Amino acid sequence: MNQTNARPKSARRRAVATLGAAALLTVAAANSADATTKIVTDTGWQSFITAGGIGGASTAGPWTFTTGQVTKVTVTDAFCHGDEFRVLDGTTILGQTTDVVSEFPECPFTLFFPALARADAALLDDGFSHGTFYLAPGSHALEFENVALWSETSSGTGAFFRVDTVALTKADCRDGGWADYGTLFDNQGDCTKVANTVASAVASAG
């Protein structure tokens, strides 16, 4: 009796998940004019859709930009607990988002208005996979690959990322501060060198 009742419930959950995926695809399509290739830093969340199963990449990448500042790349899954990503800059692997447990067939889908508000909410939920990565000044080409997916039958998913510039000074590099920038710097000297370069560029531009 209980087993018979469980099947329609699971079916309903999967139906909600499918509808949620369709909503995310709509968001990605709406943003495709901005996110197809070139992006601008400090413009908030960008949505992306992946395909191709495990190892598959975003359908609109790479996402390219050039900046004279250190940048922080924040990535978060935002649909079903269980999706994880590998983040690359060109051919360089920056790292992976956090390990999480899939809750299939459960999917905590909530409709947000505006849709991009989903990213802020997901970032506060440890059930979603997140990651923060730092990049040096220069030209970059971001790509996102599937490492894990909520469902074994999923070919892809939807998620979000943002690229924000970071004001780096020599003082930020001292007292172990250089280690706060992920794998960007090997030591304080590397950090100070980049801080000096950024300061010189700002002075020249002024």
N, C-alpha and C. Protein backbone atom coordinates (compact mmCIF):
# COMPACT_ATOMS: atom_id res chain seq x y z
N MET A 1 0.83 -1.20 0.00
CA MET A 1 0.00 0.00 0.00
C MET A 1 0.86 1.25 0.00
N ASN A 2 1.79 1.35 0.95
CA ASN A 2 2.68 2.49 1.00
C ASN A 2 3.56 2.57 -0.23
N GLN A 3 4.01 1.37 -0.68
CA GLN A 3 4.89 1.35 -1.86
C GLN A 3 4.15 1.83 -3.09
N THR A 4 2.87 1.46 -3.21
CA THR A 4 2.07 1.89 -4.35
C THR A 4 1.90 3.41 -4.36
N ASN A 5 1.71 3.99 -3.17
CA ASN A 5 1.53 5.44 -3.09
C ASN A 5 2.81 6.21 -3.34
N ALA A 6 3.96 5.57 -3.12
CA ALA A 6 5.25 6.27 -3.26
C ALA A 6 5.56 6.58 -4.71
N ARG A 7 5.10 5.75 -5.64
CA ARG A 7 5.47 5.93 -7.04
C ARG A 7 4.92 7.23 -7.64
N PRO A 8 3.62 7.51 -7.46
CA PRO A 8 3.15 8.78 -8.01
C PRO A 8 3.82 9.98 -7.38
N LYS A 9 4.18 9.86 -6.07
CA LYS A 9 4.86 10.97 -5.40
C LYS A 9 6.21 11.24 -6.04
N SER A 10 6.98 10.17 -6.31
CA SER A 10 8.27 10.33 -6.97
C SER A 10 8.10 10.90 -8.37
N ALA A 11 7.05 10.45 -9.03
CA ALA A 11 6.79 10.96 -10.38
C ALA A 11 6.52 12.45 -10.34
N ARG A 12 5.76 12.88 -9.32
CA ARG A 12 5.47 14.31 -9.20
C ARG A 12 6.75 15.09 -8.96
N ARG A 13 7.64 14.53 -8.10
CA ARG A 13 8.91 15.21 -7.83
C ARG A 13 9.73 15.36 -9.09
N ARG A 14 9.77 14.29 -9.90
CA ARG A 14 10.54 14.35 -11.14
C ARG A 14 9.92 15.35 -12.10
N ALA A 15 8.57 15.43 -12.09
CA ALA A 15 7.90 16.39 -12.97
C ALA A 15 8.25 17.82 -12.57
N VAL A 16 8.28 18.08 -11.25
CA VAL A 16 8.67 19.41 -10.77
C VAL A 16 10.10 19.72 -11.18
N ALA A 17 10.99 18.72 -11.05
CA ALA A 17 12.38 18.92 -11.42
C ALA A 17 12.51 19.23 -12.90
N THR A 18 11.72 18.52 -13.73
CA THR A 18 11.76 18.75 -15.17
C THR A 18 11.29 20.15 -15.52
N LEU A 19 10.21 20.59 -14.86
CA LEU A 19 9.72 21.94 -15.09
C LEU A 19 10.74 22.97 -14.66
N GLY A 20 11.44 22.69 -13.55
CA GLY A 20 12.47 23.61 -13.08
C GLY A 20 13.61 23.71 -14.08
N ALA A 21 13.99 22.58 -14.65
CA ALA A 21 15.06 22.58 -15.65
C ALA A 21 14.66 23.42 -16.85
N ALA A 22 13.40 23.30 -17.24
CA ALA A 22 12.91 24.09 -18.37
C ALA A 22 12.98 25.57 -18.06
N ALA A 23 12.67 25.93 -16.80
CA ALA A 23 12.74 27.34 -16.41
C ALA A 23 14.16 27.85 -16.48
N LEU A 24 15.13 27.04 -16.05
CA LEU A 24 16.53 27.45 -16.11
C LEU A 24 17.00 27.60 -17.54
N LEU A 25 16.54 26.71 -18.41
CA LEU A 25 16.90 26.82 -19.82
C LEU A 25 16.37 28.12 -20.40
N THR A 26 15.18 28.53 -19.96
CA THR A 26 14.61 29.79 -20.42
C THR A 26 15.46 30.96 -19.98
N VAL A 27 15.94 30.93 -18.71
CA VAL A 27 16.81 31.99 -18.20
C VAL A 27 18.09 32.06 -19.02
N ALA A 28 18.69 30.90 -19.31
CA ALA A 28 19.94 30.87 -20.06
C ALA A 28 19.73 31.42 -21.47
N ALA A 29 18.61 31.06 -22.08
CA ALA A 29 18.34 31.56 -23.43
C ALA A 29 18.17 33.07 -23.43
N ALA A 30 17.53 33.57 -22.38
CA ALA A 30 17.31 35.01 -22.29
C ALA A 30 18.61 35.77 -22.13
N ASN A 31 19.61 35.12 -21.50
CA ASN A 31 20.89 35.79 -21.25
C ASN A 31 21.93 35.47 -22.32
N SER A 32 21.59 34.67 -23.32
CA SER A 32 22.58 34.19 -24.27
C SER A 32 23.25 35.31 -25.05
N ALA A 33 22.53 36.42 -25.26
CA ALA A 33 23.14 37.53 -26.00
C ALA A 33 24.33 38.11 -25.25
N ASP A 34 24.28 38.07 -23.91
CA ASP A 34 25.37 38.61 -23.11
C ASP A 34 26.43 37.56 -22.81
N ALA A 35 26.01 36.30 -22.70
CA ALA A 35 26.91 35.28 -22.17
C ALA A 35 27.43 34.31 -23.22
N THR A 36 27.12 34.50 -24.52
CA THR A 36 27.54 33.55 -25.54
C THR A 36 29.06 33.40 -25.56
N THR A 37 29.79 34.49 -25.52
CA THR A 37 31.25 34.43 -25.52
C THR A 37 31.84 35.47 -24.58
N LYS A 38 31.56 36.73 -24.84
CA LYS A 38 32.23 37.80 -24.12
C LYS A 38 31.39 38.30 -22.95
N ILE A 39 32.03 38.46 -21.79
CA ILE A 39 31.34 38.99 -20.62
C ILE A 39 32.13 40.17 -20.06
N VAL A 40 31.50 40.89 -19.15
CA VAL A 40 32.11 42.05 -18.51
C VAL A 40 32.15 41.79 -17.01
N THR A 41 33.26 42.13 -16.37
CA THR A 41 33.37 41.93 -14.94
C THR A 41 32.43 42.86 -14.17
N ASP A 42 32.14 42.48 -12.93
CA ASP A 42 31.34 43.30 -12.02
C ASP A 42 29.93 43.58 -12.52
N THR A 43 29.35 42.62 -13.23
CA THR A 43 27.98 42.79 -13.73
C THR A 43 27.03 41.77 -13.12
N GLY A 44 27.42 41.13 -12.03
CA GLY A 44 26.52 40.22 -11.34
C GLY A 44 26.52 38.81 -11.91
N TRP A 45 25.48 38.07 -11.56
CA TRP A 45 25.40 36.65 -11.92
C TRP A 45 25.15 36.44 -13.41
N GLN A 46 25.80 35.41 -13.93
CA GLN A 46 25.56 34.92 -15.29
C GLN A 46 25.06 33.47 -15.14
N SER A 47 24.07 33.09 -15.92
CA SER A 47 23.60 31.71 -15.89
C SER A 47 24.29 30.90 -16.99
N PHE A 48 24.47 29.61 -16.73
CA PHE A 48 24.99 28.74 -17.78
C PHE A 48 24.32 27.38 -17.71
N ILE A 49 24.28 26.71 -18.84
CA ILE A 49 23.70 25.38 -18.97
C ILE A 49 24.79 24.44 -19.47
N THR A 50 24.89 23.26 -18.86
CA THR A 50 25.86 22.27 -19.33
C THR A 50 25.15 21.15 -20.07
N ALA A 51 25.91 20.42 -20.87
CA ALA A 51 25.38 19.28 -21.63
C ALA A 51 26.49 18.25 -21.79
N GLY A 52 26.15 17.09 -22.32
CA GLY A 52 27.16 16.10 -22.62
C GLY A 52 27.47 15.12 -21.50
N GLY A 53 26.67 15.14 -20.41
CA GLY A 53 26.91 14.21 -19.31
C GLY A 53 28.16 14.55 -18.53
N ILE A 54 28.70 13.56 -17.81
CA ILE A 54 29.92 13.77 -17.02
C ILE A 54 31.07 14.12 -17.97
N GLY A 55 31.75 15.22 -17.69
CA GLY A 55 32.82 15.69 -18.56
C GLY A 55 32.34 16.68 -19.61
N GLY A 56 31.02 16.79 -19.77
CA GLY A 56 30.46 17.75 -20.72
C GLY A 56 30.64 19.17 -20.21
N ALA A 57 30.60 20.12 -21.13
CA ALA A 57 30.87 21.52 -20.77
C ALA A 57 29.64 22.39 -20.98
N SER A 58 29.80 23.69 -20.72
CA SER A 58 28.69 24.62 -20.90
C SER A 58 28.38 24.78 -22.38
N THR A 59 27.11 25.01 -22.66
CA THR A 59 26.69 25.10 -24.06
C THR A 59 27.03 26.43 -24.70
N ALA A 60 27.41 27.43 -23.90
CA ALA A 60 27.70 28.76 -24.44
C ALA A 60 29.12 29.22 -24.17
N GLY A 61 29.98 28.34 -23.66
CA GLY A 61 31.35 28.73 -23.36
C GLY A 61 32.27 28.60 -24.56
N PRO A 62 33.52 29.05 -24.43
CA PRO A 62 34.06 29.68 -23.22
C PRO A 62 33.55 31.10 -23.02
N TRP A 63 33.67 31.57 -21.79
CA TRP A 63 33.20 32.89 -21.40
C TRP A 63 34.44 33.77 -21.22
N THR A 64 34.63 34.72 -22.12
CA THR A 64 35.89 35.45 -22.18
C THR A 64 35.78 36.87 -21.64
N PHE A 65 36.87 37.34 -21.03
CA PHE A 65 36.94 38.72 -20.56
C PHE A 65 38.40 39.09 -20.35
N THR A 66 38.66 40.38 -20.31
CA THR A 66 40.00 40.91 -20.05
C THR A 66 39.89 41.97 -18.96
N THR A 67 40.82 41.95 -18.01
CA THR A 67 40.77 42.90 -16.91
C THR A 67 42.18 43.23 -16.43
N GLY A 68 42.33 44.41 -15.89
CA GLY A 68 43.61 44.82 -15.33
C GLY A 68 43.68 44.60 -13.82
N GLN A 69 42.66 43.94 -13.26
CA GLN A 69 42.59 43.70 -11.83
C GLN A 69 42.60 42.21 -11.53
N VAL A 70 42.88 41.86 -10.29
CA VAL A 70 42.64 40.50 -9.83
C VAL A 70 41.13 40.29 -9.83
N THR A 71 40.68 39.12 -10.23
CA THR A 71 39.24 38.85 -10.25
C THR A 71 38.90 37.61 -9.44
N LYS A 72 37.72 37.64 -8.84
CA LYS A 72 37.20 36.50 -8.09
C LYS A 72 36.05 35.90 -8.87
N VAL A 73 36.16 34.60 -9.18
CA VAL A 73 35.11 33.88 -9.90
C VAL A 73 34.34 33.04 -8.89
N THR A 74 33.05 33.29 -8.76
CA THR A 74 32.20 32.53 -7.85
C THR A 74 31.25 31.68 -8.67
N VAL A 75 31.20 30.39 -8.36
CA VAL A 75 30.36 29.45 -9.10
C VAL A 75 29.43 28.75 -8.11
N THR A 76 28.17 28.62 -8.45
CA THR A 76 27.26 27.86 -7.60
C THR A 76 26.23 27.10 -8.42
N ASP A 77 26.02 25.85 -8.05
CA ASP A 77 24.88 25.12 -8.56
C ASP A 77 23.64 25.77 -7.95
N ALA A 78 22.49 25.60 -8.56
CA ALA A 78 21.33 26.32 -8.04
C ALA A 78 20.01 25.62 -8.33
N PHE A 79 20.07 24.34 -8.69
CA PHE A 79 18.81 23.70 -9.05
C PHE A 79 18.54 22.45 -8.21
N CYS A 80 19.31 21.40 -8.38
CA CYS A 80 19.13 20.17 -7.61
C CYS A 80 20.40 19.83 -6.87
N HIS A 81 20.31 19.49 -5.60
CA HIS A 81 21.49 19.10 -4.84
C HIS A 81 22.14 17.87 -5.47
N GLY A 82 23.41 17.98 -5.82
CA GLY A 82 24.12 16.84 -6.40
C GLY A 82 24.97 17.17 -7.61
N ASP A 83 24.77 18.34 -8.22
CA ASP A 83 25.58 18.74 -9.37
C ASP A 83 26.89 19.36 -8.89
N GLU A 84 27.99 19.00 -9.54
CA GLU A 84 29.31 19.55 -9.22
C GLU A 84 30.04 19.88 -10.53
N PHE A 85 30.97 20.85 -10.45
CA PHE A 85 31.61 21.34 -11.66
C PHE A 85 33.12 21.46 -11.53
N ARG A 86 33.81 21.28 -12.65
CA ARG A 86 35.22 21.60 -12.78
C ARG A 86 35.29 22.96 -13.48
N VAL A 87 36.13 23.84 -12.98
CA VAL A 87 36.24 25.19 -13.54
C VAL A 87 37.60 25.35 -14.20
N LEU A 88 37.61 25.82 -15.43
CA LEU A 88 38.84 25.99 -16.19
C LEU A 88 38.99 27.41 -16.70
N ASP A 89 40.23 27.82 -16.85
CA ASP A 89 40.57 29.07 -17.54
C ASP A 89 41.43 28.66 -18.73
N GLY A 90 40.81 28.62 -19.90
CA GLY A 90 41.49 28.06 -21.06
C GLY A 90 41.70 26.57 -20.81
N THR A 91 42.96 26.12 -20.86
CA THR A 91 43.27 24.71 -20.60
C THR A 91 43.73 24.48 -19.16
N THR A 92 43.78 25.54 -18.36
CA THR A 92 44.22 25.44 -16.98
C THR A 92 43.04 25.13 -16.05
N ILE A 93 43.15 24.07 -15.29
CA ILE A 93 42.10 23.73 -14.33
C ILE A 93 42.28 24.58 -13.08
N LEU A 94 41.27 25.38 -12.77
CA LEU A 94 41.32 26.22 -11.57
C LEU A 94 40.93 25.44 -10.33
N GLY A 95 40.11 24.42 -10.50
CA GLY A 95 39.68 23.59 -9.38
C GLY A 95 38.27 23.09 -9.59
N GLN A 96 37.69 22.53 -8.55
CA GLN A 96 36.33 22.00 -8.60
C GLN A 96 35.48 22.62 -7.51
N THR A 97 34.19 22.66 -7.75
CA THR A 97 33.27 23.11 -6.71
C THR A 97 33.17 22.02 -5.65
N THR A 98 32.55 22.35 -4.53
CA THR A 98 32.54 21.46 -3.37
C THR A 98 31.81 20.15 -3.63
N ASP A 99 32.24 19.11 -2.90
CA ASP A 99 31.56 17.82 -2.96
C ASP A 99 30.23 17.92 -2.22
N VAL A 100 29.17 17.44 -2.85
CA VAL A 100 27.86 17.42 -2.22
C VAL A 100 27.20 16.07 -2.47
N VAL A 101 26.14 15.79 -1.74
CA VAL A 101 25.42 14.52 -1.86
C VAL A 101 24.18 14.74 -2.71
N SER A 102 23.98 13.89 -3.70
CA SER A 102 22.77 13.96 -4.50
C SER A 102 21.57 13.53 -3.66
N GLU A 103 20.47 14.25 -3.81
CA GLU A 103 19.25 13.92 -3.09
C GLU A 103 18.18 13.38 -4.04
N PHE A 104 18.61 12.86 -5.18
CA PHE A 104 17.68 12.29 -6.15
C PHE A 104 16.77 11.27 -5.48
N PRO A 105 15.45 11.28 -5.73
CA PRO A 105 14.74 12.14 -6.68
C PRO A 105 14.25 13.47 -6.10
N GLU A 106 14.66 13.79 -4.87
CA GLU A 106 14.27 15.08 -4.30
C GLU A 106 14.99 16.21 -5.03
N CYS A 107 14.29 17.30 -5.25
CA CYS A 107 14.90 18.47 -5.88
C CYS A 107 14.26 19.72 -5.30
N PRO A 108 15.00 20.50 -4.51
CA PRO A 108 14.41 21.64 -3.80
C PRO A 108 14.17 22.84 -4.71
N PHE A 109 13.33 22.62 -5.72
CA PHE A 109 13.10 23.69 -6.70
C PHE A 109 12.15 24.75 -6.13
N THR A 110 12.54 26.01 -6.24
CA THR A 110 11.71 27.14 -5.85
C THR A 110 11.77 28.17 -6.96
N LEU A 111 10.63 28.72 -7.32
CA LEU A 111 10.60 29.72 -8.39
C LEU A 111 10.96 31.08 -7.80
N PHE A 112 11.99 31.72 -8.35
CA PHE A 112 12.46 33.02 -7.86
C PHE A 112 12.14 34.12 -8.86
N PHE A 113 11.78 35.29 -8.34
CA PHE A 113 11.57 36.47 -9.17
C PHE A 113 12.41 37.61 -8.58
N PRO A 114 13.41 38.14 -9.29
CA PRO A 114 13.85 37.67 -10.61
C PRO A 114 14.55 36.33 -10.51
N ALA A 115 14.68 35.65 -11.63
CA ALA A 115 15.24 34.30 -11.63
C ALA A 115 16.67 34.26 -11.09
N LEU A 116 17.45 35.32 -11.33
CA LEU A 116 18.85 35.32 -10.88
C LEU A 116 18.97 35.39 -9.36
N ALA A 117 17.88 35.70 -8.66
CA ALA A 117 17.90 35.68 -7.20
C ALA A 117 18.14 34.27 -6.68
N ARG A 118 17.90 33.28 -7.53
CA ARG A 118 18.16 31.89 -7.17
C ARG A 118 19.63 31.69 -6.80
N ALA A 119 20.53 32.36 -7.50
CA ALA A 119 21.96 32.18 -7.25
C ALA A 119 22.34 32.63 -5.85
N ASP A 120 21.84 33.79 -5.42
CA ASP A 120 22.14 34.28 -4.07
C ASP A 120 21.62 33.31 -3.01
N ALA A 121 20.42 32.78 -3.23
CA ALA A 121 19.85 31.85 -2.27
C ALA A 121 20.64 30.54 -2.24
N ALA A 122 21.05 30.06 -3.42
CA ALA A 122 21.79 28.80 -3.49
C ALA A 122 23.14 28.90 -2.81
N LEU A 123 23.75 30.09 -2.90
CA LEU A 123 25.07 30.28 -2.32
C LEU A 123 25.03 30.13 -0.79
N LEU A 124 23.89 30.33 -0.20
CA LEU A 124 23.73 30.20 1.25
C LEU A 124 23.34 28.79 1.68
N ASP A 125 23.12 27.91 0.70
CA ASP A 125 22.68 26.54 0.96
C ASP A 125 23.85 25.59 0.73
N ASP A 126 24.37 24.98 1.80
CA ASP A 126 25.52 24.07 1.66
C ASP A 126 25.18 22.78 0.93
N GLY A 127 23.90 22.55 0.68
CA GLY A 127 23.52 21.38 -0.11
C GLY A 127 23.85 21.55 -1.58
N PHE A 128 24.05 22.80 -2.00
CA PHE A 128 24.47 23.07 -3.37
C PHE A 128 25.99 23.17 -3.43
N SER A 129 26.56 22.75 -4.54
CA SER A 129 28.01 22.80 -4.73
C SER A 129 28.44 24.20 -5.13
N HIS A 130 29.47 24.74 -4.44
CA HIS A 130 29.96 26.09 -4.72
C HIS A 130 31.48 26.06 -4.92
N GLY A 131 32.01 27.17 -5.39
CA GLY A 131 33.45 27.32 -5.48
C GLY A 131 33.84 28.76 -5.74
N THR A 132 34.99 29.16 -5.21
CA THR A 132 35.53 30.50 -5.45
C THR A 132 36.96 30.36 -5.97
N PHE A 133 37.26 31.06 -7.05
CA PHE A 133 38.55 30.94 -7.71
C PHE A 133 39.05 32.33 -8.07
N TYR A 134 40.36 32.54 -7.97
CA TYR A 134 40.95 33.85 -8.23
C TYR A 134 41.82 33.81 -9.48
N LEU A 135 41.77 34.91 -10.25
CA LEU A 135 42.55 35.02 -11.48
C LEU A 135 43.39 36.29 -11.46
N ALA A 136 44.57 36.21 -12.06
CA ALA A 136 45.45 37.37 -12.17
C ALA A 136 44.95 38.30 -13.27
N PRO A 137 45.42 39.54 -13.29
CA PRO A 137 45.05 40.45 -14.38
C PRO A 137 45.42 39.84 -15.73
N GLY A 138 44.62 40.10 -16.74
CA GLY A 138 44.90 39.58 -18.07
C GLY A 138 43.64 39.14 -18.78
N SER A 139 43.82 38.34 -19.83
CA SER A 139 42.70 37.82 -20.62
C SER A 139 42.39 36.39 -20.18
N HIS A 140 41.11 36.07 -20.09
CA HIS A 140 40.70 34.77 -19.56
C HIS A 140 39.56 34.18 -20.38
N ALA A 141 39.46 32.86 -20.34
CA ALA A 141 38.39 32.14 -21.03
C ALA A 141 37.87 31.06 -20.10
N LEU A 142 36.78 31.33 -19.42
CA LEU A 142 36.23 30.41 -18.44
C LEU A 142 35.38 29.33 -19.09
N GLU A 143 35.50 28.12 -18.53
CA GLU A 143 34.65 27.01 -18.97
C GLU A 143 34.26 26.20 -17.75
N PHE A 144 33.10 25.56 -17.83
CA PHE A 144 32.56 24.77 -16.72
C PHE A 144 32.21 23.38 -17.23
N GLU A 145 32.71 22.36 -16.56
CA GLU A 145 32.48 20.97 -16.96
C GLU A 145 31.77 20.21 -15.84
N ASN A 146 30.91 19.28 -16.24
CA ASN A 146 30.21 18.45 -15.27
C ASN A 146 31.16 17.45 -14.62
N VAL A 147 31.20 17.45 -13.30
CA VAL A 147 31.96 16.44 -12.55
C VAL A 147 31.00 15.41 -11.96
N ALA A 148 29.84 15.89 -11.50
CA ALA A 148 28.79 15.02 -10.97
C ALA A 148 27.45 15.65 -11.31
N LEU A 149 26.43 14.81 -11.51
CA LEU A 149 25.09 15.29 -11.83
C LEU A 149 24.07 14.70 -10.87
N TRP A 150 23.04 15.47 -10.58
CA TRP A 150 22.00 15.09 -9.63
C TRP A 150 21.41 13.72 -9.93
N SER A 151 21.15 13.45 -11.20
CA SER A 151 20.55 12.19 -11.63
C SER A 151 21.48 11.48 -12.61
N GLU A 152 21.53 10.16 -12.54
CA GLU A 152 22.36 9.38 -13.46
C GLU A 152 21.88 9.51 -14.90
N THR A 153 20.63 9.91 -15.07
CA THR A 153 20.09 10.05 -16.43
C THR A 153 20.21 11.47 -16.97
N SER A 154 20.70 12.40 -16.15
CA SER A 154 20.84 13.79 -16.60
C SER A 154 22.01 13.93 -17.57
N SER A 155 21.82 14.73 -18.60
CA SER A 155 22.92 15.01 -19.53
C SER A 155 23.58 16.35 -19.21
N GLY A 156 22.90 17.15 -18.38
CA GLY A 156 23.44 18.45 -18.03
C GLY A 156 22.59 19.11 -16.97
N THR A 157 22.91 20.35 -16.66
CA THR A 157 22.19 21.05 -15.61
C THR A 157 22.34 22.55 -15.80
N GLY A 158 21.76 23.32 -14.89
CA GLY A 158 21.89 24.77 -14.91
C GLY A 158 22.58 25.26 -13.66
N ALA A 159 23.36 26.30 -13.78
CA ALA A 159 24.08 26.86 -12.63
C ALA A 159 24.41 28.32 -12.93
N PHE A 160 25.16 28.94 -12.02
CA PHE A 160 25.47 30.36 -12.14
C PHE A 160 26.93 30.64 -11.80
N PHE A 161 27.45 31.73 -12.36
CA PHE A 161 28.77 32.22 -11.97
C PHE A 161 28.79 33.73 -12.07
N ARG A 162 29.74 34.34 -11.37
CA ARG A 162 29.95 35.77 -11.47
C ARG A 162 31.44 36.06 -11.40
N VAL A 163 31.85 37.16 -12.01
CA VAL A 163 33.26 37.56 -12.03
C VAL A 163 33.35 38.97 -11.47
N ASP A 164 34.00 39.11 -10.32
CA ASP A 164 34.10 40.40 -9.64
C ASP A 164 35.56 40.80 -9.45
N THR A 165 35.88 42.06 -9.74
CA THR A 165 37.24 42.51 -9.53
C THR A 165 37.51 42.68 -8.04
N VAL A 166 38.79 42.48 -7.67
CA VAL A 166 39.21 42.56 -6.28
C VAL A 166 40.32 43.61 -6.18
N ALA A 167 40.16 44.57 -5.28
CA ALA A 167 41.19 45.59 -5.08
C ALA A 167 42.33 44.98 -4.26
N LEU A 168 43.45 44.72 -4.90
CA LEU A 168 44.60 44.09 -4.25
C LEU A 168 45.70 45.12 -4.00
N THR A 169 46.17 45.21 -2.75
CA THR A 169 47.29 46.09 -2.41
C THR A 169 48.39 45.26 -1.76
N LYS A 170 49.56 45.84 -1.62
CA LYS A 170 50.67 45.13 -0.98
C LYS A 170 50.32 44.75 0.46
N ALA A 171 49.54 45.59 1.11
CA ALA A 171 49.14 45.30 2.49
C ALA A 171 48.30 44.02 2.58
N ASP A 172 47.54 43.75 1.53
CA ASP A 172 46.71 42.54 1.51
C ASP A 172 47.55 41.28 1.45
N CYS A 173 48.79 41.41 1.00
CA CYS A 173 49.67 40.25 0.84
C CYS A 173 50.40 39.88 2.13
N ARG A 174 50.46 40.80 3.07
CA ARG A 174 51.25 40.58 4.29
C ARG A 174 50.55 39.69 5.29
N ASP A 175 51.35 39.18 6.24
CA ASP A 175 50.84 38.38 7.36
C ASP A 175 50.00 37.20 6.89
N GLY A 176 50.43 36.58 5.81
CA GLY A 176 49.73 35.41 5.30
C GLY A 176 48.51 35.72 4.45
N GLY A 177 48.27 37.02 4.22
CA GLY A 177 47.09 37.40 3.43
C GLY A 177 47.11 36.87 2.01
N TRP A 178 48.30 36.63 1.47
CA TRP A 178 48.41 36.11 0.10
C TRP A 178 47.70 34.78 -0.06
N ALA A 179 47.59 34.02 1.04
CA ALA A 179 46.96 32.70 0.98
C ALA A 179 45.44 32.78 0.89
N ASP A 180 44.87 33.98 1.05
CA ASP A 180 43.42 34.14 0.98
C ASP A 180 42.91 34.14 -0.45
N TYR A 181 43.83 34.05 -1.42
CA TYR A 181 43.44 34.13 -2.83
C TYR A 181 43.55 32.77 -3.52
N GLY A 182 43.18 31.74 -2.79
CA GLY A 182 43.18 30.40 -3.36
C GLY A 182 44.55 29.97 -3.81
N THR A 183 44.64 29.49 -5.04
CA THR A 183 45.91 29.00 -5.59
C THR A 183 46.60 30.05 -6.47
N LEU A 184 46.11 31.28 -6.43
CA LEU A 184 46.65 32.31 -7.33
C LEU A 184 48.11 32.61 -7.03
N PHE A 185 48.48 32.67 -5.75
CA PHE A 185 49.85 33.02 -5.37
C PHE A 185 50.53 31.86 -4.65
N ASP A 186 51.84 31.72 -4.89
CA ASP A 186 52.62 30.70 -4.19
C ASP A 186 53.21 31.23 -2.89
N ASN A 187 53.35 32.54 -2.81
CA ASN A 187 53.96 33.14 -1.63
C ASN A 187 53.66 34.64 -1.60
N GLN A 188 54.15 35.31 -0.57
CA GLN A 188 53.90 36.75 -0.42
C GLN A 188 54.55 37.54 -1.55
N GLY A 189 55.71 37.09 -1.99
CA GLY A 189 56.40 37.80 -3.07
C GLY A 189 55.59 37.82 -4.35
N ASP A 190 54.97 36.69 -4.70
CA ASP A 190 54.13 36.64 -5.90
C ASP A 190 52.97 37.61 -5.79
N CYS A 191 52.36 37.65 -4.61
CA CYS A 191 51.23 38.53 -4.37
C CYS A 191 51.65 39.99 -4.49
N THR A 192 52.77 40.32 -3.87
CA THR A 192 53.26 41.70 -3.90
C THR A 192 53.58 42.14 -5.32
N LYS A 193 54.13 41.25 -6.12
CA LYS A 193 54.47 41.56 -7.51
C LYS A 193 53.21 41.94 -8.29
N VAL A 194 52.15 41.16 -8.12
CA VAL A 194 50.89 41.45 -8.83
C VAL A 194 50.29 42.75 -8.31
N ALA A 195 50.35 42.97 -7.00
CA ALA A 195 49.81 44.21 -6.42
C ALA A 195 50.54 45.42 -6.98
N ASN A 196 51.86 45.33 -7.13
CA ASN A 196 52.65 46.43 -7.71
C ASN A 196 52.25 46.66 -9.16
N THR A 197 52.05 45.58 -9.91
CA THR A 197 51.67 45.70 -11.32
C THR A 197 50.31 46.39 -11.44
N VAL A 198 49.38 46.00 -10.59
CA VAL A 198 48.05 46.61 -10.63
C VAL A 198 48.13 48.09 -10.27
N ALA A 199 48.92 48.41 -9.23
CA ALA A 199 49.06 49.81 -8.81
C ALA A 199 49.67 50.66 -9.91
N SER A 200 50.66 50.12 -10.62
CA SER A 200 51.31 50.87 -11.71
C SER A 200 50.33 51.10 -12.85
N ALA A 201 49.50 50.10 -13.15
CA ALA A 201 48.52 50.23 -14.24
C ALA A 201 47.48 51.29 -13.88
N VAL A 202 47.04 51.29 -12.62
CA VAL A 202 46.06 52.28 -12.18
C VAL A 202 46.65 53.69 -12.24
N ALA A 203 47.91 53.82 -11.81
CA ALA A 203 48.57 55.13 -11.84
C ALA A 203 48.73 55.63 -13.26
N SER A 204 49.08 54.74 -14.18
CA SER A 204 49.25 55.12 -15.58
C SER A 204 47.93 55.55 -16.20
N ALA A 205 46.86 54.82 -15.82
CA ALA A 205 45.54 55.14 -16.38
C ALA A 205 45.04 56.49 -15.85
N GLY A 206 45.48 56.86 -14.61
CA GLY A 206 45.04 58.10 -14.02
C GLY A 206 45.78 59.28 -14.59
